[in-house]
Structures are given as structure tokens and as C-alpha cells.
Amino acid sequence: MLTQQVRRKQSIPDGEITQEPFSIFIETKRGNNFDEGQLLRHLENLKQKQGAKVLIALANYEQDEPNDPAFSNVKNTAEVDKILFLPISFEDFIESIKLESLPKNLADAINDLEEYFNE
């Protein structure tokens, strides 16, 4: 199930992908200024889910390695709670989903998304 901006007990992730046995929360920023409290609340909500859990911090990072000050405590908390925390740039995200074997309509959708991100 894919949802957008659904209120959870303590937070509202920008996107959520859930299918037993995994849950993925996505928090997106136009820049790279994440709020530590918001990310920690997402982790708290993910903790209640079953199976593999992932929190993606998707943003327009200017340096090679996303290193927002909010990430230090979030990374530690995620590790303790067995949640994978992935800060990733829009560019790296697009590159990771571009696969040669995709159907044309899906490849076209990814290209459209890439154009949107570039704007």
C-alpha cells in the first residue's frame, strides 16, 4: 500500500510504502534541513510496525555524504530500534531505480520524475 501524508500517532511522513513484511517511511525536504524531532517521531511510529522497517530522508544534498546535524541522534536511535535509516539525494534515488529491464511506461515515469526533480 502506498500512501501520502497520512497522520500517524506522532508524525506525518511525506510518503509511506507498507506491505507485509516491510514498512518504508519517506520524509522529503527541498533543501536538506531536516528536523530531528520529526525524524525521531517517524522512527517511533515505525517501531510499531512488523517486519523490516526503513526511514528514507530524501533531499537535495549539496555534498557527497548527507550529513545533516539532525542525523547523528536519528542514526543511533534507528540502529537501536533495528530500523534502517537512509539519507539519500534525489539524484541518487533516481539512479537507484533506473533499471534496464523496466517496462517502457515505468521507465518513462521515472524519466518524468527525474525532470520534475531537476526543476
PDB file of N, CA and C in Angstrom:
ATOM      1  N   MET A   1       0.846  -1.159   0.000  1.00  0.00           N
ATOM      2  CA  MET A   1       0.000   0.000   0.000  1.00  0.00           C
ATOM      3  C   MET A   1       0.905   1.241   0.000  1.00  0.00           C
ATOM      4  N   LEU A   2       0.624   2.184  -0.845  1.00  0.00           N
ATOM      5  CA  LEU A   2       1.364   3.438  -0.921  1.00  0.00           C
ATOM      6  C   LEU A   2       0.423   4.570  -0.512  1.00  0.00           C
ATOM      7  N   THR A   3       0.851   5.364   0.475  1.00  0.00           N
ATOM      8  CA  THR A   3       0.040   6.489   0.923  1.00  0.00           C
ATOM      9  C   THR A   3       0.910   7.726   1.037  1.00  0.00           C
ATOM     10  N   GLN A   4       0.265   8.874   1.032  1.00  0.00           N
ATOM     11  CA  GLN A   4       0.956  10.148   1.197  1.00  0.00           C
ATOM     12  C   GLN A   4       0.326  10.925   2.338  1.00  0.00           C
ATOM     13  N   GLN A   5       1.174  11.533   3.155  1.00  0.00           N
ATOM     14  CA  GLN A   5       0.767  12.453   4.202  1.00  0.00           C
ATOM     15  C   GLN A   5      -0.377  11.922   5.074  1.00  0.00           C
ATOM     16  N   VAL A   6      -0.244  10.678   5.544  1.00  0.00           N
ATOM     17  CA  VAL A   6      -1.237  10.092   6.439  1.00  0.00           C
ATOM     18  C   VAL A   6      -0.771  10.301   7.868  1.00  0.00           C
ATOM     19  N   ARG A   7      -1.653  10.883   8.692  1.00  0.00           N
ATOM     20  CA  ARG A   7      -1.298  11.149  10.086  1.00  0.00           C
ATOM     21  C   ARG A   7      -1.151   9.826  10.836  1.00  0.00           C
ATOM     22  N   ARG A   8      -0.032   9.706  11.497  1.00  0.00           N
ATOM     23  CA  ARG A   8       0.225   8.584  12.383  1.00  0.00           C
ATOM     24  C   ARG A   8       0.094   9.101  13.801  1.00  0.00           C
ATOM     25  N   LYS A   9       0.305   8.237  14.755  1.00  0.00           N
ATOM     26  CA  LYS A   9       0.150   8.614  16.152  1.00  0.00           C
ATOM     27  C   LYS A   9       0.952   9.862  16.501  1.00  0.00           C
ATOM     28  N   GLN A  10       2.211   9.930  16.055  1.00  0.00           N
ATOM     29  CA  GLN A  10       3.080  11.026  16.466  1.00  0.00           C
ATOM     30  C   GLN A  10       3.656  11.840  15.316  1.00  0.00           C
ATOM     31  N   SER A  11       3.440  11.436  14.062  1.00  0.00           N
ATOM     32  CA  SER A  11       4.050  12.161  12.949  1.00  0.00           C
ATOM     33  C   SER A  11       3.275  11.932  11.662  1.00  0.00           C
ATOM     34  N   ILE A  12       3.628  12.707  10.641  1.00  0.00           N
ATOM     35  CA  ILE A  12       3.004  12.589   9.328  1.00  0.00           C
ATOM     36  C   ILE A  12       4.119  12.467   8.292  1.00  0.00           C
ATOM     37  N   PRO A  13       4.495  11.229   7.919  1.00  0.00           N
ATOM     38  CA  PRO A  13       5.532  11.087   6.897  1.00  0.00           C
ATOM     39  C   PRO A  13       5.012  11.566   5.542  1.00  0.00           C
ATOM     40  N   ASP A  14       5.910  12.083   4.688  1.00  0.00           N
ATOM     41  CA  ASP A  14       5.507  12.530   3.355  1.00  0.00           C
ATOM     42  C   ASP A  14       5.009  11.372   2.505  1.00  0.00           C
ATOM     43  N   GLY A  15       5.570  10.193   2.705  1.00  0.00           N
ATOM     44  CA  GLY A  15       5.140   9.011   1.977  1.00  0.00           C
ATOM     45  C   GLY A  15       5.318   7.775   2.820  1.00  0.00           C
ATOM     46  N   GLU A  16       4.504   6.768   2.534  1.00  0.00           N
ATOM     47  CA  GLU A  16       4.613   5.502   3.254  1.00  0.00           C
ATOM     48  C   GLU A  16       4.322   4.370   2.285  1.00  0.00           C
ATOM     49  N   ILE A  17       5.207   3.376   2.287  1.00  0.00           N
ATOM     50  CA  ILE A  17       5.012   2.170   1.496  1.00  0.00           C
ATOM     51  C   ILE A  17       4.990   1.018   2.497  1.00  0.00           C
ATOM     52  N   THR A  18       3.873   0.306   2.553  1.00  0.00           N
ATOM     53  CA  THR A  18       3.737  -0.775   3.507  1.00  0.00           C
ATOM     54  C   THR A  18       3.177  -1.997   2.805  1.00  0.00           C
ATOM     55  N   GLN A  19       3.843  -3.104   3.006  1.00  0.00           N
ATOM     56  CA  GLN A  19       3.356  -4.397   2.536  1.00  0.00           C
ATOM     57  C   GLN A  19       4.020  -5.428   3.415  1.00  0.00           C
ATOM     58  N   GLU A  20       3.233  -6.197   4.128  1.00  0.00           N
ATOM     59  CA  GLU A  20       3.821  -7.208   4.990  1.00  0.00           C
ATOM     60  C   GLU A  20       4.883  -7.934   4.183  1.00  0.00           C
ATOM     61  N   PRO A  21       6.077  -8.081   4.605  1.00  0.00           N
ATOM     62  CA  PRO A  21       6.639  -7.852   5.921  1.00  0.00           C
ATOM     63  C   PRO A  21       7.560  -6.633   5.993  1.00  0.00           C
ATOM     64  N   PHE A  22       7.220  -5.509   5.368  1.00  0.00           N
ATOM     65  CA  PHE A  22       8.083  -4.332   5.490  1.00  0.00           C
ATOM     66  C   PHE A  22       7.274  -3.047   5.494  1.00  0.00           C
ATOM     67  N   SER A  23       7.901  -1.977   6.017  1.00  0.00           N
ATOM     68  CA  SER A  23       7.309  -0.642   6.027  1.00  0.00           C
ATOM     69  C   SER A  23       8.407   0.362   5.719  1.00  0.00           C
ATOM     70  N   ILE A  24       8.101   1.299   4.837  1.00  0.00           N
ATOM     71  CA  ILE A  24       9.047   2.354   4.466  1.00  0.00           C
ATOM     72  C   ILE A  24       8.364   3.697   4.665  1.00  0.00           C
ATOM     73  N   PHE A  25       8.968   4.560   5.470  1.00  0.00           N
ATOM     74  CA  PHE A  25       8.508   5.946   5.610  1.00  0.00           C
ATOM     75  C   PHE A  25       9.478   6.820   4.833  1.00  0.00           C
ATOM     76  N   ILE A  26       8.944   7.832   4.168  1.00  0.00           N
ATOM     77  CA  ILE A  26       9.765   8.759   3.394  1.00  0.00           C
ATOM     78  C   ILE A  26       9.503  10.167   3.888  1.00  0.00           C
ATOM     79  N   GLU A  27      10.566  10.869   4.262  1.00  0.00           N
ATOM     80  CA  GLU A  27      10.481  12.288   4.618  1.00  0.00           C
ATOM     81  C   GLU A  27      11.297  13.051   3.577  1.00  0.00           C
ATOM     82  N   THR A  28      10.680  14.058   2.982  1.00  0.00           N
ATOM     83  CA  THR A  28      11.306  14.781   1.882  1.00  0.00           C
ATOM     84  C   THR A  28      11.438  16.262   2.226  1.00  0.00           C
ATOM     85  N   LYS A  29      12.585  16.814   1.869  1.00  0.00           N
ATOM     86  CA  LYS A  29      12.831  18.259   2.021  1.00  0.00           C
ATOM     87  C   LYS A  29      13.407  18.786   0.718  1.00  0.00           C
ATOM     88  N   ARG A  30      13.052  20.020   0.389  1.00  0.00           N
ATOM     89  CA  ARG A  30      13.599  20.635  -0.824  1.00  0.00           C
ATOM     90  C   ARG A  30      15.077  20.936  -0.667  1.00  0.00           C
ATOM     91  N   GLY A  31      15.475  21.337   0.522  1.00  0.00           N
ATOM     92  CA  GLY A  31      16.887  21.562   0.814  1.00  0.00           C
ATOM     93  C   GLY A  31      17.425  20.337   1.497  1.00  0.00           C
ATOM     94  N   ASN A  32      18.045  20.533   2.647  1.00  0.00           N
ATOM     95  CA  ASN A  32      18.484  19.377   3.431  1.00  0.00           C
ATOM     96  C   ASN A  32      18.365  19.661   4.925  1.00  0.00           C
ATOM     97  N   ASN A  33      17.437  20.542   5.278  1.00  0.00           N
ATOM     98  CA  ASN A  33      17.275  20.937   6.685  1.00  0.00           C
ATOM     99  C   ASN A  33      16.166  20.113   7.350  1.00  0.00           C
ATOM    100  N   PHE A  34      16.545  18.951   7.841  1.00  0.00           N
ATOM    101  CA  PHE A  34      15.598  18.062   8.496  1.00  0.00           C
ATOM    102  C   PHE A  34      15.459  18.425   9.967  1.00  0.00           C
ATOM    103  N   ASP A  35      14.288  18.163  10.515  1.00  0.00           N
ATOM    104  CA  ASP A  35      14.003  18.399  11.926  1.00  0.00           C
ATOM    105  C   ASP A  35      14.219  17.084  12.681  1.00  0.00           C
ATOM    106  N   GLU A  36      15.152  17.096  13.614  1.00  0.00           N
ATOM    107  CA  GLU A  36      15.484  15.884  14.359  1.00  0.00           C
ATOM    108  C   GLU A  36      14.256  15.302  15.066  1.00  0.00           C
ATOM    109  N   GLY A  37      13.460  16.148  15.699  1.00  0.00           N
ATOM    110  CA  GLY A  37      12.267  15.683  16.404  1.00  0.00           C
ATOM    111  C   GLY A  37      11.294  14.982  15.477  1.00  0.00           C
ATOM    112  N   GLN A  38      11.102  15.531  14.300  1.00  0.00           N
ATOM    113  CA  GLN A  38      10.193  14.926  13.329  1.00  0.00           C
ATOM    114  C   GLN A  38      10.701  13.543  12.905  1.00  0.00           C
ATOM    115  N   LEU A  39      11.996  13.430  12.618  1.00  0.00           N
ATOM    116  CA  LEU A  39      12.562  12.142  12.228  1.00  0.00           C
ATOM    117  C   LEU A  39      12.456  11.119  13.365  1.00  0.00           C
ATOM    118  N   LEU A  40      12.695  11.557  14.589  1.00  0.00           N
ATOM    119  CA  LEU A  40      12.571  10.658  15.740  1.00  0.00           C
ATOM    120  C   LEU A  40      11.130  10.186  15.932  1.00  0.00           C
ATOM    121  N   ARG A  41      10.158  11.069  15.673  1.00  0.00           N
ATOM    122  CA  ARG A  41       8.749  10.665  15.761  1.00  0.00           C
ATOM    123  C   ARG A  41       8.416   9.631  14.678  1.00  0.00           C
ATOM    124  N   HIS A  42       8.977   9.809  13.483  1.00  0.00           N
ATOM    125  CA  HIS A  42       8.779   8.801  12.433  1.00  0.00           C
ATOM    126  C   HIS A  42       9.334   7.450  12.879  1.00  0.00           C
ATOM    127  N   LEU A  43      10.530   7.466  13.495  1.00  0.00           N
ATOM    128  CA  LEU A  43      11.115   6.218  13.991  1.00  0.00           C
ATOM    129  C   LEU A  43      10.223   5.570  15.044  1.00  0.00           C
ATOM    130  N   GLU A  44       9.654   6.382  15.914  1.00  0.00           N
ATOM    131  CA  GLU A  44       8.766   5.863  16.958  1.00  0.00           C
ATOM    132  C   GLU A  44       7.555   5.171  16.334  1.00  0.00           C
ATOM    133  N   ASN A  45       6.988   5.775  15.290  1.00  0.00           N
ATOM    134  CA  ASN A  45       5.851   5.146  14.605  1.00  0.00           C
ATOM    135  C   ASN A  45       6.270   3.881  13.874  1.00  0.00           C
ATOM    136  N   LEU A  46       7.440   3.909  13.251  1.00  0.00           N
ATOM    137  CA  LEU A  46       7.923   2.722  12.549  1.00  0.00           C
ATOM    138  C   LEU A  46       8.175   1.558  13.512  1.00  0.00           C
ATOM    139  N   LYS A  47       8.588   1.879  14.715  1.00  0.00           N
ATOM    140  CA  LYS A  47       8.863   0.853  15.716  1.00  0.00           C
ATOM    141  C   LYS A  47       7.649  -0.054  15.929  1.00  0.00           C
ATOM    142  N   GLN A  48       6.456   0.492  15.756  1.00  0.00           N
ATOM    143  CA  GLN A  48       5.216  -0.257  15.980  1.00  0.00           C
ATOM    144  C   GLN A  48       4.892  -1.205  14.826  1.00  0.00           C
ATOM    145  N   LYS A  49       5.569  -1.054  13.694  1.00  0.00           N
ATOM    146  CA  LYS A  49       5.291  -1.869  12.504  1.00  0.00           C
ATOM    147  C   LYS A  49       5.971  -3.227  12.615  1.00  0.00           C
ATOM    148  N   GLN A  50       5.468  -4.174  11.852  1.00  0.00           N
ATOM    149  CA  GLN A  50       6.037  -5.519  11.805  1.00  0.00           C
ATOM    150  C   GLN A  50       7.047  -5.621  10.666  1.00  0.00           C
ATOM    151  N   GLY A  51       7.986  -6.536  10.770  1.00  0.00           N
ATOM    152  CA  GLY A  51       8.928  -6.820   9.693  1.00  0.00           C
ATOM    153  C   GLY A  51      10.020  -5.776   9.545  1.00  0.00           C
ATOM    154  N   ALA A  52      10.615  -5.728   8.360  1.00  0.00           N
ATOM    155  CA  ALA A  52      11.692  -4.782   8.068  1.00  0.00           C
ATOM    156  C   ALA A  52      11.136  -3.362   8.041  1.00  0.00           C
ATOM    157  N   LYS A  53      11.924  -2.413   8.572  1.00  0.00           N
ATOM    158  CA  LYS A  53      11.475  -1.019   8.673  1.00  0.00           C
ATOM    159  C   LYS A  53      12.566  -0.103   8.130  1.00  0.00           C
ATOM    160  N   VAL A  54      12.147   0.893   7.323  1.00  0.00           N
ATOM    161  CA  VAL A  54      13.089   1.814   6.700  1.00  0.00           C
ATOM    162  C   VAL A  54      12.544   3.234   6.801  1.00  0.00           C
ATOM    163  N   LEU A  55      13.426   4.177   7.148  1.00  0.00           N
ATOM    164  CA  LEU A  55      13.103   5.606   7.093  1.00  0.00           C
ATOM    165  C   LEU A  55      14.055   6.241   6.091  1.00  0.00           C
ATOM    166  N   ILE A  56      13.490   6.815   5.021  1.00  0.00           N
ATOM    167  CA  ILE A  56      14.284   7.468   3.984  1.00  0.00           C
ATOM    168  C   ILE A  56      14.168   8.983   4.164  1.00  0.00           C
ATOM    169  N   ALA A  57      15.323   9.650   4.258  1.00  0.00           N
ATOM    170  CA  ALA A  57      15.387  11.121   4.305  1.00  0.00           C
ATOM    171  C   ALA A  57      15.839  11.575   2.926  1.00  0.00           C
ATOM    172  N   LEU A  58      14.871  11.936   2.081  1.00  0.00           N
ATOM    173  CA  LEU A  58      15.117  12.286   0.688  1.00  0.00           C
ATOM    174  C   LEU A  58      15.214  13.798   0.550  1.00  0.00           C
ATOM    175  N   ALA A  59      16.343  14.284  -0.009  1.00  0.00           N
ATOM    176  CA  ALA A  59      16.549  15.730  -0.102  1.00  0.00           C
ATOM    177  C   ALA A  59      17.556  16.065  -1.185  1.00  0.00           C
ATOM    178  N   ASN A  60      17.760  17.360  -1.369  1.00  0.00           N
ATOM    179  CA  ASN A  60      18.725  17.877  -2.332  1.00  0.00           C
ATOM    180  C   ASN A  60      20.028  18.177  -1.592  1.00  0.00           C
ATOM    181  N   TYR A  61      20.803  17.132  -1.313  1.00  0.00           N
ATOM    182  CA  TYR A  61      22.056  17.294  -0.579  1.00  0.00           C
ATOM    183  C   TYR A  61      23.107  17.913  -1.483  1.00  0.00           C
ATOM    184  N   GLU A  62      23.842  18.889  -0.952  1.00  0.00           N
ATOM    185  CA  GLU A  62      24.851  19.590  -1.739  1.00  0.00           C
ATOM    186  C   GLU A  62      26.223  18.927  -1.668  1.00  0.00           C
ATOM    187  N   GLN A  63      26.482  18.122  -0.654  1.00  0.00           N
ATOM    188  CA  GLN A  63      27.771  17.472  -0.523  1.00  0.00           C
ATOM    189  C   GLN A  63      27.634  15.994  -0.872  1.00  0.00           C
ATOM    190  N   ASP A  64      28.762  15.303  -0.946  1.00  0.00           N
ATOM    191  CA  ASP A  64      28.745  13.890  -1.316  1.00  0.00           C
ATOM    192  C   ASP A  64      28.012  13.022  -0.299  1.00  0.00           C
ATOM    193  N   GLU A  65      28.229  13.271   0.969  1.00  0.00           N
ATOM    194  CA  GLU A  65      27.638  12.466   2.030  1.00  0.00           C
ATOM    195  C   GLU A  65      26.624  13.291   2.813  1.00  0.00           C
ATOM    196  N   PRO A  66      25.341  12.909   2.809  1.00  0.00           N
ATOM    197  CA  PRO A  66      24.363  13.643   3.610  1.00  0.00           C
ATOM    198  C   PRO A  66      24.790  13.650   5.076  1.00  0.00           C
ATOM    199  N   ASN A  67      24.948  14.832   5.633  1.00  0.00           N
ATOM    200  CA  ASN A  67      25.480  14.937   6.986  1.00  0.00           C
ATOM    201  C   ASN A  67      24.754  16.027   7.763  1.00  0.00           C
ATOM    202  N   ASP A  68      23.450  16.018   7.730  1.00  0.00           N
ATOM    203  CA  ASP A  68      22.653  16.985   8.467  1.00  0.00           C
ATOM    204  C   ASP A  68      22.914  16.796   9.959  1.00  0.00           C
ATOM    205  N   PRO A  69      23.031  17.887  10.735  1.00  0.00           N
ATOM    206  CA  PRO A  69      23.258  17.744  12.180  1.00  0.00           C
ATOM    207  C   PRO A  69      22.197  16.898  12.887  1.00  0.00           C
ATOM    208  N   ALA A  70      20.980  16.878  12.358  1.00  0.00           N
ATOM    209  CA  ALA A  70      19.898  16.103  12.972  1.00  0.00           C
ATOM    210  C   ALA A  70      20.122  14.603  12.833  1.00  0.00           C
ATOM    211  N   PHE A  71      20.995  14.176  11.930  1.00  0.00           N
ATOM    212  CA  PHE A  71      21.119  12.759  11.615  1.00  0.00           C
ATOM    213  C   PHE A  71      21.861  11.941  12.670  1.00  0.00           C
ATOM    214  N   SER A  72      22.739  12.531  13.433  1.00  0.00           N
ATOM    215  CA  SER A  72      23.556  11.771  14.376  1.00  0.00           C
ATOM    216  C   SER A  72      22.693  10.992  15.370  1.00  0.00           C
ATOM    217  N   ASN A  73      21.816  11.669  16.077  1.00  0.00           N
ATOM    218  CA  ASN A  73      20.945  11.022  17.051  1.00  0.00           C
ATOM    219  C   ASN A  73      19.936  10.103  16.364  1.00  0.00           C
ATOM    220  N   VAL A  74      19.450  10.506  15.204  1.00  0.00           N
ATOM    221  CA  VAL A  74      18.483   9.692  14.463  1.00  0.00           C
ATOM    222  C   VAL A  74      19.119   8.368  14.053  1.00  0.00           C
ATOM    223  N   LYS A  75      20.352   8.418  13.545  1.00  0.00           N
ATOM    224  CA  LYS A  75      21.051   7.191  13.147  1.00  0.00           C
ATOM    225  C   LYS A  75      21.216   6.251  14.337  1.00  0.00           C
ATOM    226  N   ASN A  76      21.616   6.791  15.484  1.00  0.00           N
ATOM    227  CA  ASN A  76      21.804   5.969  16.683  1.00  0.00           C
ATOM    228  C   ASN A  76      20.492   5.337  17.142  1.00  0.00           C
ATOM    229  N   THR A  77      19.440   6.134  17.167  1.00  0.00           N
ATOM    230  CA  THR A  77      18.125   5.635  17.590  1.00  0.00           C
ATOM    231  C   THR A  77      17.627   4.561  16.630  1.00  0.00           C
ATOM    232  N   ALA A  78      17.776   4.811  15.338  1.00  0.00           N
ATOM    233  CA  ALA A  78      17.328   3.843  14.331  1.00  0.00           C
ATOM    234  C   ALA A  78      18.068   2.517  14.492  1.00  0.00           C
ATOM    235  N   GLU A  79      19.365   2.598  14.728  1.00  0.00           N
ATOM    236  CA  GLU A  79      20.166   1.381  14.897  1.00  0.00           C
ATOM    237  C   GLU A  79      19.685   0.568  16.096  1.00  0.00           C
ATOM    238  N   VAL A  80      19.443   1.244  17.205  1.00  0.00           N
ATOM    239  CA  VAL A  80      18.965   0.563  18.417  1.00  0.00           C
ATOM    240  C   VAL A  80      17.612  -0.112  18.162  1.00  0.00           C
ATOM    241  N   ASP A  81      16.752   0.570  17.397  1.00  0.00           N
ATOM    242  CA  ASP A  81      15.405   0.049  17.123  1.00  0.00           C
ATOM    243  C   ASP A  81      15.354  -0.877  15.913  1.00  0.00           C
ATOM    244  N   LYS A  82      16.516  -1.187  15.342  1.00  0.00           N
ATOM    245  CA  LYS A  82      16.609  -2.075  14.173  1.00  0.00           C
ATOM    246  C   LYS A  82      15.816  -1.537  12.979  1.00  0.00           C
ATOM    247  N   ILE A  83      15.951  -0.222  12.766  1.00  0.00           N
ATOM    248  CA  ILE A  83      15.323   0.450  11.628  1.00  0.00           C
ATOM    249  C   ILE A  83      16.443   0.965  10.735  1.00  0.00           C
ATOM    250  N   LEU A  84      16.337   0.721   9.445  1.00  0.00           N
ATOM    251  CA  LEU A  84      17.331   1.218   8.505  1.00  0.00           C
ATOM    252  C   LEU A  84      17.033   2.678   8.200  1.00  0.00           C
ATOM    253  N   PHE A  85      17.999   3.562   8.463  1.00  0.00           N
ATOM    254  CA  PHE A  85      17.844   4.990   8.186  1.00  0.00           C
ATOM    255  C   PHE A  85      18.705   5.330   6.977  1.00  0.00           C
ATOM    256  N   LEU A  86      18.073   5.856   5.917  1.00  0.00           N
ATOM    257  CA  LEU A  86      18.768   6.141   4.665  1.00  0.00           C
ATOM    258  C   LEU A  86      18.603   7.585   4.230  1.00  0.00           C
ATOM    259  N   PRO A  87      19.568   8.450   4.526  1.00  0.00           N
ATOM    260  CA  PRO A  87      19.547   9.776   3.907  1.00  0.00           C
ATOM    261  C   PRO A  87      20.048   9.622   2.472  1.00  0.00           C
ATOM    262  N   ILE A  88      19.268  10.087   1.502  1.00  0.00           N
ATOM    263  CA  ILE A  88      19.631   9.911   0.094  1.00  0.00           C
ATOM    264  C   ILE A  88      19.211  11.137  -0.704  1.00  0.00           C
ATOM    265  N   SER A  89      20.027  11.488  -1.687  1.00  0.00           N
ATOM    266  CA  SER A  89      19.720  12.639  -2.538  1.00  0.00           C
ATOM    267  C   SER A  89      18.713  12.237  -3.612  1.00  0.00           C
ATOM    268  N   PHE A  90      18.023  13.227  -4.155  1.00  0.00           N
ATOM    269  CA  PHE A  90      17.092  12.973  -5.253  1.00  0.00           C
ATOM    270  C   PHE A  90      17.826  12.287  -6.404  1.00  0.00           C
ATOM    271  N   GLU A  91      19.025  12.776  -6.699  1.00  0.00           N
ATOM    272  CA  GLU A  91      19.822  12.236  -7.806  1.00  0.00           C
ATOM    273  C   GLU A  91      20.156  10.759  -7.590  1.00  0.00           C
ATOM    274  N   ASP A  92      20.632  10.424  -6.396  1.00  0.00           N
ATOM    275  CA  ASP A  92      20.970   9.026  -6.103  1.00  0.00           C
ATOM    276  C   ASP A  92      19.727   8.144  -6.086  1.00  0.00           C
ATOM    277  N   PHE A  93      18.625   8.692  -5.606  1.00  0.00           N
ATOM    278  CA  PHE A  93      17.368   7.935  -5.596  1.00  0.00           C
ATOM    279  C   PHE A  93      16.953   7.566  -7.018  1.00  0.00           C
ATOM    280  N   ILE A  94      16.965   8.550  -7.918  1.00  0.00           N
ATOM    281  CA  ILE A  94      16.588   8.304  -9.316  1.00  0.00           C
ATOM    282  C   ILE A  94      17.517   7.273  -9.945  1.00  0.00           C
ATOM    283  N   GLU A  95      18.820   7.434  -9.722  1.00  0.00           N
ATOM    284  CA  GLU A  95      19.783   6.490 -10.307  1.00  0.00           C
ATOM    285  C   GLU A  95      19.557   5.071  -9.790  1.00  0.00           C
ATOM    286  N   SER A  96      19.135   4.933  -8.542  1.00  0.00           N
ATOM    287  CA  SER A  96      18.952   3.603  -7.965  1.00  0.00           C
ATOM    288  C   SER A  96      17.721   2.884  -8.504  1.00  0.00           C
ATOM    289  N   ILE A  97      16.749   3.629  -9.048  1.00  0.00           N
ATOM    290  CA  ILE A  97      15.541   2.966  -9.566  1.00  0.00           C
ATOM    291  C   ILE A  97      15.529   2.841 -11.085  1.00  0.00           C
ATOM    292  N   LYS A  98      16.539   3.408 -11.749  1.00  0.00           N
ATOM    293  CA  LYS A  98      16.648   3.251 -13.202  1.00  0.00           C
ATOM    294  C   LYS A  98      17.248   1.882 -13.495  1.00  0.00           C
ATOM    295  N   LEU A  99      16.436   0.999 -14.014  1.00  0.00           N
ATOM    296  CA  LEU A  99      16.878  -0.352 -14.333  1.00  0.00           C
ATOM    297  C   LEU A  99      16.634  -0.619 -15.814  1.00  0.00           C
ATOM    298  N   GLU A 100      17.520  -1.357 -16.431  1.00  0.00           N
ATOM    299  CA  GLU A 100      17.399  -1.634 -17.864  1.00  0.00           C
ATOM    300  C   GLU A 100      16.179  -2.460 -18.214  1.00  0.00           C
ATOM    301  N   SER A 101      15.757  -3.319 -17.330  1.00  0.00           N
ATOM    302  CA  SER A 101      14.684  -4.264 -17.647  1.00  0.00           C
ATOM    303  C   SER A 101      13.276  -3.738 -17.343  1.00  0.00           C
ATOM    304  N   LEU A 102      13.135  -2.436 -17.083  1.00  0.00           N
ATOM    305  CA  LEU A 102      11.819  -1.889 -16.748  1.00  0.00           C
ATOM    306  C   LEU A 102      10.937  -1.789 -17.992  1.00  0.00           C
ATOM    307  N   PRO A 103       9.637  -1.970 -17.823  1.00  0.00           N
ATOM    308  CA  PRO A 103       8.720  -1.729 -18.935  1.00  0.00           C
ATOM    309  C   PRO A 103       8.784  -0.253 -19.345  1.00  0.00           C
ATOM    310  N   LYS A 104       8.508   0.028 -20.608  1.00  0.00           N
ATOM    311  CA  LYS A 104       8.635   1.384 -21.146  1.00  0.00           C
ATOM    312  C   LYS A 104       7.823   2.403 -20.346  1.00  0.00           C
ATOM    313  N   ASN A 105       6.592   2.065 -19.967  1.00  0.00           N
ATOM    314  CA  ASN A 105       5.767   3.041 -19.241  1.00  0.00           C
ATOM    315  C   ASN A 105       6.363   3.391 -17.882  1.00  0.00           C
ATOM    316  N   LEU A 106       6.982   2.418 -17.202  1.00  0.00           N
ATOM    317  CA  LEU A 106       7.614   2.691 -15.917  1.00  0.00           C
ATOM    318  C   LEU A 106       8.906   3.493 -16.107  1.00  0.00           C
ATOM    319  N   ALA A 107       9.682   3.153 -17.134  1.00  0.00           N
ATOM    320  CA  ALA A 107      10.907   3.904 -17.442  1.00  0.00           C
ATOM    321  C   ALA A 107      10.558   5.347 -17.792  1.00  0.00           C
ATOM    322  N   ASP A 108       9.470   5.554 -18.540  1.00  0.00           N
ATOM    323  CA  ASP A 108       9.023   6.911 -18.882  1.00  0.00           C
ATOM    324  C   ASP A 108       8.605   7.681 -17.634  1.00  0.00           C
ATOM    325  N   ALA A 109       7.925   7.003 -16.712  1.00  0.00           N
ATOM    326  CA  ALA A 109       7.507   7.650 -15.459  1.00  0.00           C
ATOM    327  C   ALA A 109       8.725   8.077 -14.645  1.00  0.00           C
ATOM    328  N   ILE A 110       9.756   7.255 -14.608  1.00  0.00           N
ATOM    329  CA  ILE A 110      10.979   7.595 -13.881  1.00  0.00           C
ATOM    330  C   ILE A 110      11.665   8.793 -14.538  1.00  0.00           C
ATOM    331  N   ASN A 111      11.683   8.821 -15.867  1.00  0.00           N
ATOM    332  CA  ASN A 111      12.258   9.973 -16.577  1.00  0.00           C
ATOM    333  C   ASN A 111      11.476  11.247 -16.272  1.00  0.00           C
ATOM    334  N   ASP A 112      10.154  11.146 -16.229  1.00  0.00           N
ATOM    335  CA  ASP A 112       9.330  12.307 -15.878  1.00  0.00           C
ATOM    336  C   ASP A 112       9.629  12.773 -14.452  1.00  0.00           C
ATOM    337  N   LEU A 113       9.790  11.822 -13.527  1.00  0.00           N
ATOM    338  CA  LEU A 113      10.113  12.161 -12.141  1.00  0.00           C
ATOM    339  C   LEU A 113      11.472  12.850 -12.078  1.00  0.00           C
ATOM    340  N   GLU A 114      12.419  12.359 -12.847  1.00  0.00           N
ATOM    341  CA  GLU A 114      13.750  12.968 -12.869  1.00  0.00           C
ATOM    342  C   GLU A 114      13.675  14.412 -13.373  1.00  0.00           C
ATOM    343  N   GLU A 115      12.896  14.652 -14.404  1.00  0.00           N
ATOM    344  CA  GLU A 115      12.718  16.013 -14.922  1.00  0.00           C
ATOM    345  C   GLU A 115      12.081  16.912 -13.853  1.00  0.00           C
ATOM    346  N   TYR A 116      11.089  16.376 -13.145  1.00  0.00           N
ATOM    347  CA  TYR A 116      10.440  17.125 -12.072  1.00  0.00           C
ATOM    348  C   TYR A 116      11.451  17.496 -10.990  1.00  0.00           C
ATOM    349  N   PHE A 117      12.264  16.521 -10.557  1.00  0.00           N
ATOM    350  CA  PHE A 117      13.282  16.784  -9.542  1.00  0.00           C
ATOM    351  C   PHE A 117      14.276  17.852 -10.014  1.00  0.00           C
ATOM    352  N   ASN A 118      14.625  17.828 -11.301  1.00  0.00           N
ATOM    353  CA  ASN A 118      15.594  18.791 -11.827  1.00  0.00           C
ATOM    354  C   ASN A 118      15.056  20.208 -11.885  1.00  0.00           C
ATOM    355  N   GLU A 119      13.746  20.348 -11.900  1.00  0.00           N
ATOM    356  CA  GLU A 119      13.147  21.681 -11.894  1.00  0.00           C
ATOM    357  C   GLU A 119      13.254  22.277 -10.515  1.00  0.00           C
TER     358      GLU A 119
END
